[in-house]
Amino acid sequence: MGKLIWGLLWLMAESLVAQPLATAKVDQPATPSLDRYGNLYLSDQAGNIHKYDPQGQFLLNFSPPRPGAIALLESWNTVKILVFYKVFQRFMIMDRFLTQVPYFDFDPMSVGFARVATLAADENVWLMDDGDFSLKKFNPRLKKLENSTPLDLVLDAREYDVRFAREYQNQLYLADYRSGILVFDNLGSYRKKIALDSVDYFSFLGDELYTFKGNQLSFFHLYSFEERKINLPQEGVKYALVTDQKLILCYPDRVEWWEKP
């Protein structure tokens, strides 16, 4: 009898520990992005955009008049949210209330084909152009390019596979799945490469860059170059994000908020 009671107590304790703080049902969550306050923005299979507060409570939803897959969503700026549609070669910059705004279409005379695009700190838009294999900064107000940097000296034009981009602390980080993360300054000049394998998504926590692979988060300090890892509480995760207090896990049918380990 004693063994049975202890076994039941152990199962109860285990179930209490292994439970998320909050759960949201989302069909194929994608393009997750955190703002400075821990609010989560992400898209679903239909191209809708959802916003949740740091506790996992639903706040807002945006349904586009023309459904389409969102390739990248960037919300760190907090007051300006960039939504990039790779298939349509267009983007929009929304406010934190997800208010509908006009779309910006890239001018084919200056942009051949934008593979990735993300918001710059000066409210311009960074993009990697497949057309002439370059990194460009596009001014949406004036609808013109601010600068352009050839990438043939840092990437192999025959083998590159750029999948994600983000500006952070006045530097632009570009993830090439084959070679690692390329780092540029805020003028587009190449600085260095971080040798991380098979990266198609990354984010930041303080002075650390982190990636997700398998069932593990890997952290890389941007200045001391120290590394650390965190094992996730469950498997089957598509995306994993971290705040100062929370661990956010995206599965094919839901998003969960956990206490940070």
Protein backbone atom coordinates (compact mmCIF):
# COMPACT_ATOMS: atom_id res chain seq x y z
CA MET A 1 0.00 0.00 0.00
CA GLY A 2 2.84 2.34 0.88
CA LYS A 3 4.48 1.83 -2.51
CA LEU A 4 1.16 2.50 -4.24
CA ILE A 5 0.66 5.78 -2.36
CA TRP A 6 4.21 6.93 -3.10
CA GLY A 7 3.71 6.01 -6.75
CA LEU A 8 0.51 8.07 -6.96
CA LEU A 9 2.20 11.01 -5.24
CA TRP A 10 5.10 10.84 -7.70
CA LEU A 11 2.72 10.82 -10.68
CA MET A 12 0.83 13.79 -9.25
CA ALA A 13 4.03 15.75 -8.68
CA GLU A 14 5.29 14.90 -12.16
CA SER A 15 2.03 16.07 -13.77
CA LEU A 16 2.16 19.34 -11.84
CA VAL A 17 5.72 20.06 -12.94
CA ALA A 18 5.21 19.12 -16.60
CA GLN A 19 2.33 21.48 -17.34
CA PRO A 20 2.50 24.71 -19.37
CA LEU A 21 1.34 27.96 -17.79
CA ALA A 22 -0.88 28.77 -20.78
CA THR A 23 -1.84 27.22 -24.12
CA ALA A 24 -3.25 28.75 -27.32
CA LYS A 25 -4.66 26.74 -30.21
CA VAL A 26 -3.08 27.87 -33.49
CA ASP A 27 -3.11 26.02 -36.81
CA GLN A 28 0.50 25.62 -37.98
CA PRO A 29 2.03 28.58 -36.08
CA ALA A 30 4.89 30.22 -37.96
CA THR A 31 7.08 33.34 -38.10
CA PRO A 32 7.08 33.88 -34.29
CA SER A 33 8.48 37.18 -33.04
CA LEU A 34 8.76 38.80 -29.60
CA ASP A 35 8.64 42.53 -28.93
CA ARG A 36 10.64 44.27 -26.20
CA TYR A 37 7.91 43.62 -23.62
CA GLY A 38 7.55 39.89 -24.20
CA ASN A 39 4.40 40.06 -26.35
CA LEU A 40 4.31 37.31 -28.96
CA TYR A 41 3.32 37.83 -32.60
CA LEU A 42 2.93 34.92 -35.02
CA SER A 43 1.10 33.86 -38.15
CA ASP A 44 -1.00 30.80 -38.93
CA GLN A 45 -1.55 28.64 -42.00
CA ALA A 46 -4.18 31.05 -43.38
CA GLY A 47 -1.90 34.08 -43.08
CA ASN A 48 -3.66 35.56 -40.05
CA ILE A 49 -1.52 37.36 -37.45
CA HIS A 50 -2.08 36.73 -33.73
CA LYS A 51 -0.80 38.70 -30.75
CA TYR A 52 -0.48 37.35 -27.19
CA ASP A 53 0.66 39.01 -23.99
CA PRO A 54 3.64 37.68 -21.92
CA GLN A 55 1.28 35.43 -19.91
CA GLY A 56 -0.10 33.78 -23.06
CA GLN A 57 -3.42 35.65 -23.11
CA PHE A 58 -4.83 36.43 -26.55
CA LEU A 59 -4.85 40.15 -27.37
CA LEU A 60 -5.39 40.84 -31.07
CA ASN A 61 -5.88 39.23 -34.45
CA PHE A 62 -5.39 40.51 -38.01
CA SER A 63 -6.95 38.80 -41.02
CA PRO A 64 -5.54 40.09 -44.34
CA PRO A 65 -7.92 40.93 -47.21
CA ARG A 66 -5.71 38.80 -49.47
CA PRO A 67 -4.60 35.61 -47.68
CA GLY A 68 -1.01 34.56 -48.24
CA ALA A 69 1.87 32.88 -46.46
CA ILE A 70 3.96 35.26 -44.35
CA ALA A 71 7.69 34.68 -44.80
CA LEU A 72 8.96 36.85 -41.93
CA LEU A 73 7.45 38.89 -39.13
CA GLU A 74 9.51 41.32 -37.03
CA SER A 75 8.07 42.98 -33.90
CA TRP A 76 11.08 43.95 -31.73
CA ASN A 77 10.55 47.65 -32.50
CA THR A 78 7.21 47.33 -30.62
CA VAL A 79 5.48 50.28 -32.32
CA LYS A 80 6.23 49.14 -35.87
CA ILE A 81 5.64 45.53 -36.94
CA LEU A 82 7.05 44.39 -40.30
CA VAL A 83 5.22 41.68 -42.23
CA PHE A 84 7.02 40.32 -45.31
CA TYR A 85 5.33 38.31 -48.08
CA LYS A 86 8.02 36.61 -50.13
CA VAL A 87 5.62 35.16 -52.72
CA PHE A 88 4.00 38.54 -53.42
CA GLN A 89 7.28 40.52 -53.06
CA ARG A 90 5.61 43.00 -50.76
CA PHE A 91 5.57 44.02 -47.13
CA MET A 92 3.61 46.18 -44.73
CA ILE A 93 4.54 47.98 -41.52
CA MET A 94 1.73 47.77 -38.95
CA ASP A 95 1.40 49.37 -35.52
CA ARG A 96 1.16 47.42 -32.26
CA PHE A 97 -2.64 47.27 -32.62
CA LEU A 98 -2.25 45.38 -35.93
CA THR A 99 -4.03 48.15 -37.79
CA GLN A 100 -4.44 47.62 -41.52
CA VAL A 101 -2.01 49.77 -43.53
CA PRO A 102 -1.11 50.01 -47.23
CA TYR A 103 1.26 47.41 -48.67
CA PHE A 104 4.63 48.32 -50.12
CA ASP A 105 5.63 46.48 -53.30
CA PHE A 106 9.32 46.25 -54.09
CA ASP A 107 10.18 48.08 -57.31
CA PRO A 108 11.39 45.39 -59.76
CA MET A 109 13.75 47.95 -61.30
CA SER A 110 15.74 48.18 -58.04
CA VAL A 111 14.91 44.84 -56.37
CA GLY A 112 15.07 41.69 -58.46
CA PHE A 113 13.73 39.21 -55.90
CA ALA A 114 13.80 39.72 -52.13
CA ARG A 115 14.65 36.41 -50.47
CA VAL A 116 14.35 37.76 -46.91
CA ALA A 117 13.43 41.15 -45.49
CA THR A 118 13.44 42.63 -42.00
CA LEU A 119 13.00 45.97 -40.27
CA ALA A 120 16.01 48.22 -39.63
CA ALA A 121 16.38 50.45 -36.56
CA ASP A 122 16.11 53.56 -38.78
CA GLU A 123 12.70 52.28 -40.02
CA ASN A 124 14.08 51.30 -43.40
CA VAL A 125 13.91 47.68 -44.55
CA TRP A 126 16.83 45.31 -45.01
CA LEU A 127 16.54 42.76 -47.80
CA MET A 128 18.69 40.13 -49.45
CA ASP A 129 18.21 40.38 -53.23
CA ASP A 130 18.56 37.21 -55.28
CA GLY A 131 18.47 39.30 -58.47
CA ASP A 132 21.98 40.71 -58.17
CA PHE A 133 23.11 38.74 -55.10
CA SER A 134 23.32 41.70 -52.75
CA LEU A 135 22.28 43.06 -49.37
CA LYS A 136 20.15 46.19 -49.70
CA LYS A 137 18.45 48.75 -47.49
CA PHE A 138 15.14 50.00 -48.86
CA ASN A 139 13.48 53.27 -47.82
CA PRO A 140 9.69 52.69 -47.86
CA ARG A 141 8.85 56.38 -47.44
CA LEU A 142 10.85 57.46 -50.48
CA LYS A 143 10.47 54.09 -52.23
CA LYS A 144 14.14 53.92 -53.11
CA LEU A 145 17.32 52.10 -52.10
CA GLU A 146 19.58 53.65 -49.47
CA ASN A 147 22.54 51.37 -50.14
CA SER A 148 23.55 48.03 -51.67
CA THR A 149 26.36 45.63 -50.71
CA PRO A 150 27.50 42.75 -52.97
CA LEU A 151 27.56 39.40 -51.18
CA ASP A 152 29.82 37.47 -53.54
CA LEU A 153 32.84 37.99 -51.25
CA VAL A 154 31.15 36.37 -48.22
CA LEU A 155 28.79 33.82 -49.78
CA ASP A 156 29.04 31.26 -52.55
CA ALA A 157 26.45 32.32 -55.13
CA ARG A 158 26.05 28.69 -56.21
CA GLU A 159 25.32 27.22 -52.78
CA TYR A 160 23.88 29.84 -50.44
CA ASP A 161 20.57 29.26 -48.64
CA VAL A 162 19.66 32.44 -46.73
CA ARG A 163 16.54 31.80 -44.62
CA PHE A 164 16.27 34.48 -41.94
CA ALA A 165 17.42 38.00 -41.08
CA ARG A 166 17.16 40.32 -38.13
CA GLU A 167 18.74 43.56 -36.94
CA TYR A 168 19.77 43.68 -33.28
CA GLN A 169 21.93 46.13 -31.33
CA ASN A 170 22.73 48.06 -34.54
CA GLN A 171 23.97 45.00 -36.37
CA LEU A 172 22.27 42.90 -39.03
CA TYR A 173 22.35 39.11 -38.72
CA LEU A 174 21.72 36.99 -41.80
CA ALA A 175 21.28 33.21 -41.45
CA ASP A 176 22.73 31.14 -44.29
CA TYR A 177 21.70 27.54 -43.68
CA ARG A 178 24.85 26.21 -45.30
CA SER A 179 27.57 28.40 -43.80
CA GLY A 180 26.39 30.11 -40.60
CA ILE A 181 25.23 33.56 -39.49
CA LEU A 182 26.70 36.56 -41.30
CA VAL A 183 27.03 39.80 -39.33
CA PHE A 184 26.90 43.26 -40.92
CA ASP A 185 27.01 46.75 -39.41
CA ASN A 186 24.13 49.22 -39.74
CA LEU A 187 25.54 50.48 -43.05
CA GLY A 188 25.60 47.01 -44.59
CA SER A 189 29.34 46.42 -44.33
CA TYR A 190 30.32 42.82 -43.59
CA ARG A 191 31.95 42.25 -40.19
CA LYS A 192 32.20 38.53 -39.42
CA LYS A 193 30.63 35.09 -39.57
CA ILE A 194 29.32 33.06 -36.62
CA ALA A 195 29.96 29.40 -37.43
CA LEU A 196 26.65 27.77 -36.47
CA ASP A 197 25.37 24.80 -38.48
CA SER A 198 21.99 24.52 -40.22
CA VAL A 199 20.39 27.69 -38.83
CA ASP A 200 17.06 28.74 -40.35
CA TYR A 201 15.75 30.78 -37.41
CA PHE A 202 17.33 32.56 -34.45
CA SER A 203 16.49 35.16 -31.84
CA PHE A 204 18.16 37.13 -29.04
CA LEU A 205 18.04 37.32 -25.27
CA GLY A 206 20.08 40.16 -23.81
CA ASP A 207 23.60 39.80 -25.23
CA GLU A 208 23.01 36.24 -26.42
CA LEU A 209 21.95 34.87 -29.78
CA TYR A 210 20.07 31.58 -29.55
CA THR A 211 19.06 28.88 -32.00
CA PHE A 212 16.80 25.86 -31.72
CA LYS A 213 17.56 22.37 -33.01
CA GLY A 214 16.24 18.96 -32.03
CA ASN A 215 15.09 19.28 -28.45
CA GLN A 216 17.61 21.87 -27.34
CA LEU A 217 18.17 25.63 -27.27
CA SER A 218 21.76 26.76 -27.87
CA PHE A 219 22.91 30.19 -26.65
CA PHE A 220 25.91 32.06 -28.05
CA HIS A 221 27.15 35.20 -26.25
CA LEU A 222 27.77 37.96 -28.78
CA TYR A 223 30.78 39.43 -26.96
CA SER A 224 32.34 36.80 -24.69
CA PHE A 225 31.59 33.99 -27.20
CA GLU A 226 30.57 31.66 -24.37
CA GLU A 227 27.98 28.99 -25.15
CA ARG A 228 25.29 27.27 -23.09
CA LYS A 229 22.33 24.99 -23.74
CA ILE A 230 18.81 24.41 -22.40
CA ASN A 231 16.89 21.18 -22.87
CA LEU A 232 13.20 21.59 -23.69
CA PRO A 233 10.52 19.93 -21.54
CA GLN A 234 8.85 18.21 -24.51
CA GLU A 235 9.56 17.04 -28.05
CA GLY A 236 7.86 17.89 -31.33
CA VAL A 237 8.55 21.64 -31.09
CA LYS A 238 8.67 23.72 -34.30
CA TYR A 239 9.90 26.97 -32.74
CA ALA A 240 11.22 27.88 -29.29
CA LEU A 241 11.57 31.41 -27.92
CA VAL A 242 12.84 32.73 -24.60
CA THR A 243 12.12 35.83 -22.53
CA ASP A 244 13.56 36.81 -19.15
CA GLN A 245 10.86 34.75 -17.45
CA LYS A 246 9.18 32.49 -19.99
CA LEU A 247 9.91 29.70 -22.44
CA ILE A 248 7.52 29.75 -25.43
CA LEU A 249 7.10 26.58 -27.48
CA CYS A 250 5.29 26.40 -30.83
CA TYR A 251 3.89 23.03 -31.93
CA PRO A 252 2.02 22.20 -35.18
CA ASP A 253 -1.36 22.84 -33.51
CA ARG A 254 -0.69 25.08 -30.51
CA VAL A 255 1.60 27.46 -28.61
CA GLU A 256 2.58 26.90 -24.98
CA TRP A 257 4.06 29.23 -22.33
CA TRP A 258 6.31 27.59 -19.71
CA GLU A 259 8.31 28.78 -16.75
CA LYS A 260 11.85 29.46 -17.89
CA PRO A 261 14.14 26.59 -16.77
